[in-house]
Amino acid sequence: MKLEAGHFYRLEMNAYNQAFRGTDGRAAAQSVLYFTTQGVSEAVKARLTKPKVVSLIPPNRATEVAPNLEEIRVTFDVPMTRGYSWTGAGDHYPAGTGNNPYWIDDYTCVLPVALKPDHQYNLGINSVSAVNFQSADGGVPCDPLEYTFTTRP
Protein backbone atom coordinates (compact mmCIF):
# COMPACT_ATOMS: atom_id res chain seq x y z
CA MET A 1 0.00 0.00 0.00
CA LYS A 2 1.26 3.45 -0.84
CA LEU A 3 0.23 6.29 1.43
CA GLU A 4 -0.37 9.72 -0.07
CA ALA A 5 0.74 12.97 1.51
CA GLY A 6 -1.96 15.13 3.06
CA HIS A 7 -4.52 12.38 3.71
CA PHE A 8 -6.52 10.96 6.62
CA TYR A 9 -6.46 7.16 6.91
CA ARG A 10 -8.58 4.84 9.06
CA LEU A 11 -8.33 1.07 9.44
CA GLU A 12 -10.77 -0.97 11.52
CA MET A 13 -9.58 -4.38 12.69
CA ASN A 14 -11.72 -7.31 13.81
CA ALA A 15 -14.93 -5.29 13.67
CA TYR A 16 -16.86 -7.65 11.42
CA ASN A 17 -15.16 -10.96 10.70
CA GLN A 18 -12.64 -11.27 13.56
CA ALA A 19 -9.97 -12.64 11.24
CA PHE A 20 -7.10 -11.60 13.52
CA ARG A 21 -6.66 -14.38 16.07
CA GLY A 22 -4.01 -15.54 18.49
CA THR A 23 -2.35 -18.94 18.31
CA ASP A 24 -4.96 -20.15 20.82
CA GLY A 25 -7.74 -19.28 18.34
CA ARG A 26 -9.19 -16.38 20.35
CA ALA A 27 -10.06 -13.29 18.35
CA ALA A 28 -8.03 -10.16 18.95
CA ALA A 29 -9.91 -7.18 20.33
CA GLN A 30 -11.67 -4.86 17.92
CA SER A 31 -9.56 -1.77 17.32
CA VAL A 32 -9.32 1.27 15.10
CA LEU A 33 -6.11 2.75 13.72
CA TYR A 34 -6.36 6.29 12.40
CA PHE A 35 -3.69 8.75 11.32
CA THR A 36 -2.82 11.48 8.86
CA THR A 37 0.16 11.84 6.61
CA GLN A 38 2.37 14.91 6.46
CA GLY A 39 0.87 17.93 4.78
CA VAL A 40 -2.75 17.72 5.93
CA SER A 41 -4.83 20.80 6.59
CA GLU A 42 -5.92 21.79 10.10
CA ALA A 43 -9.47 20.69 9.19
CA VAL A 44 -8.23 17.19 8.37
CA LYS A 45 -6.11 17.09 11.56
CA ALA A 46 -9.27 17.87 13.53
CA ARG A 47 -10.69 14.52 12.39
CA LEU A 48 -8.12 12.84 14.70
CA THR A 49 -9.77 14.31 17.80
CA LYS A 50 -11.13 11.69 20.20
CA PRO A 51 -14.71 12.28 21.29
CA LYS A 52 -15.14 13.11 24.95
CA VAL A 53 -18.10 12.41 27.19
CA VAL A 54 -19.48 15.75 28.41
CA SER A 55 -22.57 14.52 30.23
CA LEU A 56 -23.99 11.35 31.73
CA ILE A 57 -27.51 10.99 33.10
CA PRO A 58 -27.37 9.91 35.81
CA PRO A 59 -23.91 11.33 36.55
CA ASN A 60 -21.00 8.91 36.92
CA ARG A 61 -20.66 7.63 40.51
CA ALA A 62 -24.06 9.13 41.45
CA THR A 63 -25.83 7.84 44.53
CA GLU A 64 -29.49 8.23 45.34
CA VAL A 65 -30.56 7.74 41.71
CA ALA A 66 -34.32 7.31 41.36
CA PRO A 67 -35.04 3.62 40.67
CA ASN A 68 -37.89 4.62 38.35
CA LEU A 69 -35.45 6.30 35.94
CA GLU A 70 -36.30 4.84 32.52
CA GLU A 71 -33.25 5.84 30.49
CA ILE A 72 -29.56 6.48 30.73
CA ARG A 73 -28.00 9.14 28.48
CA VAL A 74 -24.49 9.85 27.30
CA THR A 75 -23.65 13.09 25.50
CA PHE A 76 -20.43 13.72 23.57
CA ASP A 77 -18.60 16.90 22.61
CA VAL A 78 -18.63 16.17 18.85
CA PRO A 79 -21.16 14.68 16.41
CA MET A 80 -21.12 10.88 16.54
CA THR A 81 -21.96 7.99 14.23
CA ARG A 82 -25.15 6.10 15.09
CA GLY A 83 -23.25 3.14 16.55
CA TYR A 84 -22.98 2.43 20.27
CA SER A 85 -21.17 0.15 22.68
CA TRP A 86 -22.95 0.12 26.02
CA THR A 87 -20.87 -2.62 27.66
CA GLY A 88 -21.25 -4.89 30.64
CA ALA A 89 -23.16 -7.95 31.80
CA GLY A 90 -24.60 -9.65 34.81
CA ASP A 91 -26.60 -8.35 37.74
CA HIS A 92 -24.76 -5.00 37.84
CA TYR A 93 -25.63 -4.15 34.23
CA PRO A 94 -29.00 -2.37 33.92
CA ALA A 95 -31.82 -4.56 32.70
CA GLY A 96 -33.28 -3.59 29.37
CA THR A 97 -36.83 -2.67 28.60
CA GLY A 98 -36.96 -4.52 25.29
CA ASN A 99 -36.24 -1.28 23.45
CA ASN A 100 -32.92 -0.76 21.69
CA PRO A 101 -30.60 2.15 22.43
CA TYR A 102 -31.22 5.13 20.18
CA TRP A 103 -29.81 8.55 19.33
CA ILE A 104 -31.86 11.70 20.00
CA ASP A 105 -29.45 13.87 18.01
CA ASP A 106 -25.85 13.69 16.74
CA TYR A 107 -24.46 14.01 20.27
CA THR A 108 -26.67 12.05 22.70
CA CYS A 109 -27.38 8.32 22.89
CA VAL A 110 -30.11 6.88 25.11
CA LEU A 111 -30.16 3.43 26.73
CA PRO A 112 -33.68 2.42 27.90
CA VAL A 113 -33.44 0.69 31.30
CA ALA A 114 -35.50 -0.92 34.04
CA LEU A 115 -33.69 -0.23 37.31
CA LYS A 116 -34.08 -1.83 40.75
CA PRO A 117 -34.11 0.06 44.05
CA ASP A 118 -31.04 0.01 46.31
CA HIS A 119 -28.78 -1.42 43.62
CA GLN A 120 -25.33 -0.61 42.29
CA TYR A 121 -24.89 -0.55 38.50
CA ASN A 122 -21.64 -0.91 36.59
CA LEU A 123 -21.44 -0.53 32.85
CA GLY A 124 -19.16 0.90 30.25
CA ILE A 125 -19.12 3.25 27.33
CA ASN A 126 -16.89 1.48 24.82
CA SER A 127 -14.34 -1.06 26.02
CA VAL A 128 -11.14 -2.62 24.75
CA SER A 129 -13.20 -5.02 22.64
CA ALA A 130 -16.17 -2.82 21.65
CA VAL A 131 -15.53 0.63 20.16
CA ASN A 132 -18.74 1.63 18.41
CA PHE A 133 -19.13 5.06 20.05
CA GLN A 134 -17.18 6.88 17.31
CA SER A 135 -16.93 10.41 15.94
CA ALA A 136 -18.92 11.11 12.78
CA ASP A 137 -16.07 13.02 11.16
CA GLY A 138 -13.38 10.36 11.26
CA GLY A 139 -14.69 7.27 12.98
CA VAL A 140 -12.44 7.86 15.98
CA PRO A 141 -13.69 5.92 19.03
CA CYS A 142 -13.97 7.57 22.44
CA ASP A 143 -11.79 6.15 25.18
CA PRO A 144 -13.49 3.44 27.24
CA LEU A 145 -15.24 4.83 30.30
CA GLU A 146 -16.31 2.90 33.40
CA TYR A 147 -19.72 4.14 34.50
CA THR A 148 -21.26 3.41 37.90
CA PHE A 149 -24.21 4.64 39.89
CA THR A 150 -26.43 3.47 42.74
CA THR A 151 -30.19 3.69 43.08
CA ARG A 152 -31.86 4.72 46.32
CA PRO A 153 -34.03 2.26 48.31
C-alpha atoms as a PDB file:
ATOM      1  CA  MET A   1       0.000   0.000   0.000  1.00  0.00           C
ATOM      2  CA  LYS A   2       1.260   3.447  -0.843  1.00  0.00           C
ATOM      3  CA  LEU A   3       0.227   6.294   1.429  1.00  0.00           C
ATOM      4  CA  GLU A   4      -0.369   9.715  -0.073  1.00  0.00           C
ATOM      5  CA  ALA A   5       0.736  12.974   1.515  1.00  0.00           C
ATOM      6  CA  GLY A   6      -1.961  15.134   3.056  1.00  0.00           C
ATOM      7  CA  HIS A   7      -4.524  12.375   3.707  1.00  0.00           C
ATOM      8  CA  PHE A   8      -6.517  10.955   6.621  1.00  0.00           C
ATOM      9  CA  TYR A   9      -6.461   7.158   6.914  1.00  0.00           C
ATOM     10  CA  ARG A  10      -8.577   4.843   9.062  1.00  0.00           C
ATOM     11  CA  LEU A  11      -8.334   1.073   9.442  1.00  0.00           C
ATOM     12  CA  GLU A  12     -10.767  -0.965  11.524  1.00  0.00           C
ATOM     13  CA  MET A  13      -9.581  -4.381  12.687  1.00  0.00           C
ATOM     14  CA  ASN A  14     -11.724  -7.313  13.809  1.00  0.00           C
ATOM     15  CA  ALA A  15     -14.928  -5.292  13.668  1.00  0.00           C
ATOM     16  CA  TYR A  16     -16.861  -7.653  11.418  1.00  0.00           C
ATOM     17  CA  ASN A  17     -15.159 -10.962  10.701  1.00  0.00           C
ATOM     18  CA  GLN A  18     -12.644 -11.272  13.559  1.00  0.00           C
ATOM     19  CA  ALA A  19      -9.967 -12.643  11.240  1.00  0.00           C
ATOM     20  CA  PHE A  20      -7.097 -11.595  13.517  1.00  0.00           C
ATOM     21  CA  ARG A  21      -6.657 -14.379  16.070  1.00  0.00           C
ATOM     22  CA  GLY A  22      -4.008 -15.540  18.489  1.00  0.00           C
ATOM     23  CA  THR A  23      -2.353 -18.936  18.309  1.00  0.00           C
ATOM     24  CA  ASP A  24      -4.964 -20.149  20.822  1.00  0.00           C
ATOM     25  CA  GLY A  25      -7.738 -19.277  18.342  1.00  0.00           C
ATOM     26  CA  ARG A  26      -9.195 -16.381  20.350  1.00  0.00           C
ATOM     27  CA  ALA A  27     -10.055 -13.295  18.346  1.00  0.00           C
ATOM     28  CA  ALA A  28      -8.027 -10.158  18.948  1.00  0.00           C
ATOM     29  CA  ALA A  29      -9.913  -7.176  20.330  1.00  0.00           C
ATOM     30  CA  GLN A  30     -11.673  -4.858  17.917  1.00  0.00           C
ATOM     31  CA  SER A  31      -9.555  -1.769  17.316  1.00  0.00           C
ATOM     32  CA  VAL A  32      -9.323   1.272  15.100  1.00  0.00           C
ATOM     33  CA  LEU A  33      -6.114   2.746  13.723  1.00  0.00           C
ATOM     34  CA  TYR A  34      -6.361   6.286  12.403  1.00  0.00           C
ATOM     35  CA  PHE A  35      -3.692   8.754  11.324  1.00  0.00           C
ATOM     36  CA  THR A  36      -2.815  11.485   8.864  1.00  0.00           C
ATOM     37  CA  THR A  37       0.163  11.838   6.615  1.00  0.00           C
ATOM     38  CA  GLN A  38       2.367  14.909   6.456  1.00  0.00           C
ATOM     39  CA  GLY A  39       0.873  17.935   4.778  1.00  0.00           C
ATOM     40  CA  VAL A  40      -2.747  17.718   5.930  1.00  0.00           C
ATOM     41  CA  SER A  41      -4.829  20.801   6.592  1.00  0.00           C
ATOM     42  CA  GLU A  42      -5.922  21.790  10.099  1.00  0.00           C
ATOM     43  CA  ALA A  43      -9.470  20.694   9.186  1.00  0.00           C
ATOM     44  CA  VAL A  44      -8.235  17.190   8.367  1.00  0.00           C
ATOM     45  CA  LYS A  45      -6.109  17.088  11.555  1.00  0.00           C
ATOM     46  CA  ALA A  46      -9.271  17.867  13.526  1.00  0.00           C
ATOM     47  CA  ARG A  47     -10.688  14.521  12.386  1.00  0.00           C
ATOM     48  CA  LEU A  48      -8.120  12.844  14.697  1.00  0.00           C
ATOM     49  CA  THR A  49      -9.769  14.312  17.803  1.00  0.00           C
ATOM     50  CA  LYS A  50     -11.131  11.690  20.202  1.00  0.00           C
ATOM     51  CA  PRO A  51     -14.712  12.285  21.292  1.00  0.00           C
ATOM     52  CA  LYS A  52     -15.139  13.107  24.953  1.00  0.00           C
ATOM     53  CA  VAL A  53     -18.099  12.408  27.188  1.00  0.00           C
ATOM     54  CA  VAL A  54     -19.477  15.750  28.410  1.00  0.00           C
ATOM     55  CA  SER A  55     -22.574  14.521  30.227  1.00  0.00           C
ATOM     56  CA  LEU A  56     -23.986  11.348  31.727  1.00  0.00           C
ATOM     57  CA  ILE A  57     -27.510  10.995  33.097  1.00  0.00           C
ATOM     58  CA  PRO A  58     -27.374   9.915  35.812  1.00  0.00           C
ATOM     59  CA  PRO A  59     -23.910  11.327  36.547  1.00  0.00           C
ATOM     60  CA  ASN A  60     -21.003   8.914  36.921  1.00  0.00           C
ATOM     61  CA  ARG A  61     -20.664   7.635  40.508  1.00  0.00           C
ATOM     62  CA  ALA A  62     -24.061   9.135  41.449  1.00  0.00           C
ATOM     63  CA  THR A  63     -25.826   7.842  44.528  1.00  0.00           C
ATOM     64  CA  GLU A  64     -29.489   8.227  45.343  1.00  0.00           C
ATOM     65  CA  VAL A  65     -30.561   7.743  41.706  1.00  0.00           C
ATOM     66  CA  ALA A  66     -34.318   7.312  41.356  1.00  0.00           C
ATOM     67  CA  PRO A  67     -35.036   3.622  40.675  1.00  0.00           C
ATOM     68  CA  ASN A  68     -37.894   4.620  38.348  1.00  0.00           C
ATOM     69  CA  LEU A  69     -35.447   6.300  35.939  1.00  0.00           C
ATOM     70  CA  GLU A  70     -36.300   4.843  32.518  1.00  0.00           C
ATOM     71  CA  GLU A  71     -33.255   5.839  30.487  1.00  0.00           C
ATOM     72  CA  ILE A  72     -29.558   6.478  30.733  1.00  0.00           C
ATOM     73  CA  ARG A  73     -28.002   9.137  28.485  1.00  0.00           C
ATOM     74  CA  VAL A  74     -24.486   9.846  27.303  1.00  0.00           C
ATOM     75  CA  THR A  75     -23.649  13.093  25.502  1.00  0.00           C
ATOM     76  CA  PHE A  76     -20.432  13.720  23.571  1.00  0.00           C
ATOM     77  CA  ASP A  77     -18.603  16.903  22.606  1.00  0.00           C
ATOM     78  CA  VAL A  78     -18.633  16.171  18.852  1.00  0.00           C
ATOM     79  CA  PRO A  79     -21.157  14.675  16.414  1.00  0.00           C
ATOM     80  CA  MET A  80     -21.119  10.880  16.536  1.00  0.00           C
ATOM     81  CA  THR A  81     -21.959   7.995  14.228  1.00  0.00           C
ATOM     82  CA  ARG A  82     -25.146   6.102  15.086  1.00  0.00           C
ATOM     83  CA  GLY A  83     -23.253   3.136  16.550  1.00  0.00           C
ATOM     84  CA  TYR A  84     -22.978   2.435  20.266  1.00  0.00           C
ATOM     85  CA  SER A  85     -21.169   0.148  22.678  1.00  0.00           C
ATOM     86  CA  TRP A  86     -22.951   0.124  26.023  1.00  0.00           C
ATOM     87  CA  THR A  87     -20.872  -2.619  27.661  1.00  0.00           C
ATOM     88  CA  GLY A  88     -21.246  -4.891  30.644  1.00  0.00           C
ATOM     89  CA  ALA A  89     -23.156  -7.953  31.796  1.00  0.00           C
ATOM     90  CA  GLY A  90     -24.601  -9.646  34.810  1.00  0.00           C
ATOM     91  CA  ASP A  91     -26.596  -8.349  37.740  1.00  0.00           C
ATOM     92  CA  HIS A  92     -24.756  -5.003  37.836  1.00  0.00           C
ATOM     93  CA  TYR A  93     -25.634  -4.148  34.227  1.00  0.00           C
ATOM     94  CA  PRO A  94     -29.005  -2.369  33.925  1.00  0.00           C
ATOM     95  CA  ALA A  95     -31.824  -4.562  32.702  1.00  0.00           C
ATOM     96  CA  GLY A  96     -33.279  -3.593  29.366  1.00  0.00           C
ATOM     97  CA  THR A  97     -36.834  -2.672  28.597  1.00  0.00           C
ATOM     98  CA  GLY A  98     -36.959  -4.519  25.286  1.00  0.00           C
ATOM     99  CA  ASN A  99     -36.240  -1.283  23.447  1.00  0.00           C
ATOM    100  CA  ASN A 100     -32.920  -0.763  21.692  1.00  0.00           C
ATOM    101  CA  PRO A 101     -30.603   2.149  22.434  1.00  0.00           C
ATOM    102  CA  TYR A 102     -31.223   5.134  20.180  1.00  0.00           C
ATOM    103  CA  TRP A 103     -29.812   8.551  19.328  1.00  0.00           C
ATOM    104  CA  ILE A 104     -31.863  11.698  20.002  1.00  0.00           C
ATOM    105  CA  ASP A 105     -29.454  13.873  18.008  1.00  0.00           C
ATOM    106  CA  ASP A 106     -25.852  13.694  16.744  1.00  0.00           C
ATOM    107  CA  TYR A 107     -24.459  14.011  20.273  1.00  0.00           C
ATOM    108  CA  THR A 108     -26.674  12.052  22.704  1.00  0.00           C
ATOM    109  CA  CYS A 109     -27.376   8.319  22.890  1.00  0.00           C
ATOM    110  CA  VAL A 110     -30.115   6.883  25.112  1.00  0.00           C
ATOM    111  CA  LEU A 111     -30.159   3.434  26.733  1.00  0.00           C
ATOM    112  CA  PRO A 112     -33.682   2.422  27.901  1.00  0.00           C
ATOM    113  CA  VAL A 113     -33.439   0.692  31.302  1.00  0.00           C
ATOM    114  CA  ALA A 114     -35.503  -0.917  34.042  1.00  0.00           C
ATOM    115  CA  LEU A 115     -33.693  -0.233  37.314  1.00  0.00           C
ATOM    116  CA  LYS A 116     -34.076  -1.830  40.750  1.00  0.00           C
ATOM    117  CA  PRO A 117     -34.111   0.060  44.049  1.00  0.00           C
ATOM    118  CA  ASP A 118     -31.035   0.011  46.310  1.00  0.00           C
ATOM    119  CA  HIS A 119     -28.782  -1.422  43.615  1.00  0.00           C
ATOM    120  CA  GLN A 120     -25.329  -0.610  42.286  1.00  0.00           C
ATOM    121  CA  TYR A 121     -24.885  -0.547  38.501  1.00  0.00           C
ATOM    122  CA  ASN A 122     -21.636  -0.906  36.588  1.00  0.00           C
ATOM    123  CA  LEU A 123     -21.444  -0.535  32.847  1.00  0.00           C
ATOM    124  CA  GLY A 124     -19.158   0.899  30.247  1.00  0.00           C
ATOM    125  CA  ILE A 125     -19.124   3.246  27.334  1.00  0.00           C
ATOM    126  CA  ASN A 126     -16.888   1.484  24.820  1.00  0.00           C
ATOM    127  CA  SER A 127     -14.339  -1.064  26.023  1.00  0.00           C
ATOM    128  CA  VAL A 128     -11.142  -2.620  24.747  1.00  0.00           C
ATOM    129  CA  SER A 129     -13.201  -5.016  22.638  1.00  0.00           C
ATOM    130  CA  ALA A 130     -16.171  -2.817  21.655  1.00  0.00           C
ATOM    131  CA  VAL A 131     -15.527   0.625  20.156  1.00  0.00           C
ATOM    132  CA  ASN A 132     -18.739   1.635  18.412  1.00  0.00           C
ATOM    133  CA  PHE A 133     -19.126   5.058  20.048  1.00  0.00           C
ATOM    134  CA  GLN A 134     -17.177   6.884  17.306  1.00  0.00           C
ATOM    135  CA  SER A 135     -16.931  10.410  15.941  1.00  0.00           C
ATOM    136  CA  ALA A 136     -18.916  11.107  12.780  1.00  0.00           C
ATOM    137  CA  ASP A 137     -16.069  13.018  11.164  1.00  0.00           C
ATOM    138  CA  GLY A 138     -13.377  10.359  11.255  1.00  0.00           C
ATOM    139  CA  GLY A 139     -14.694   7.269  12.980  1.00  0.00           C
ATOM    140  CA  VAL A 140     -12.440   7.860  15.981  1.00  0.00           C
ATOM    141  CA  PRO A 141     -13.690   5.923  19.030  1.00  0.00           C
ATOM    142  CA  CYS A 142     -13.972   7.569  22.438  1.00  0.00           C
ATOM    143  CA  ASP A 143     -11.792   6.151  25.180  1.00  0.00           C
ATOM    144  CA  PRO A 144     -13.490   3.437  27.238  1.00  0.00           C
ATOM    145  CA  LEU A 145     -15.244   4.827  30.298  1.00  0.00           C
ATOM    146  CA  GLU A 146     -16.307   2.896  33.395  1.00  0.00           C
ATOM    147  CA  TYR A 147     -19.720   4.143  34.498  1.00  0.00           C
ATOM    148  CA  THR A 148     -21.256   3.410  37.896  1.00  0.00           C
ATOM    149  CA  PHE A 149     -24.212   4.643  39.892  1.00  0.00           C
ATOM    150  CA  THR A 150     -26.427   3.469  42.743  1.00  0.00           C
ATOM    151  CA  THR A 151     -30.190   3.690  43.085  1.00  0.00           C
ATOM    152  CA  ARG A 152     -31.861   4.716  46.317  1.00  0.00           C
ATOM    153  CA  PRO A 153     -34.030   2.259  48.310  1.00  0.00           C
END
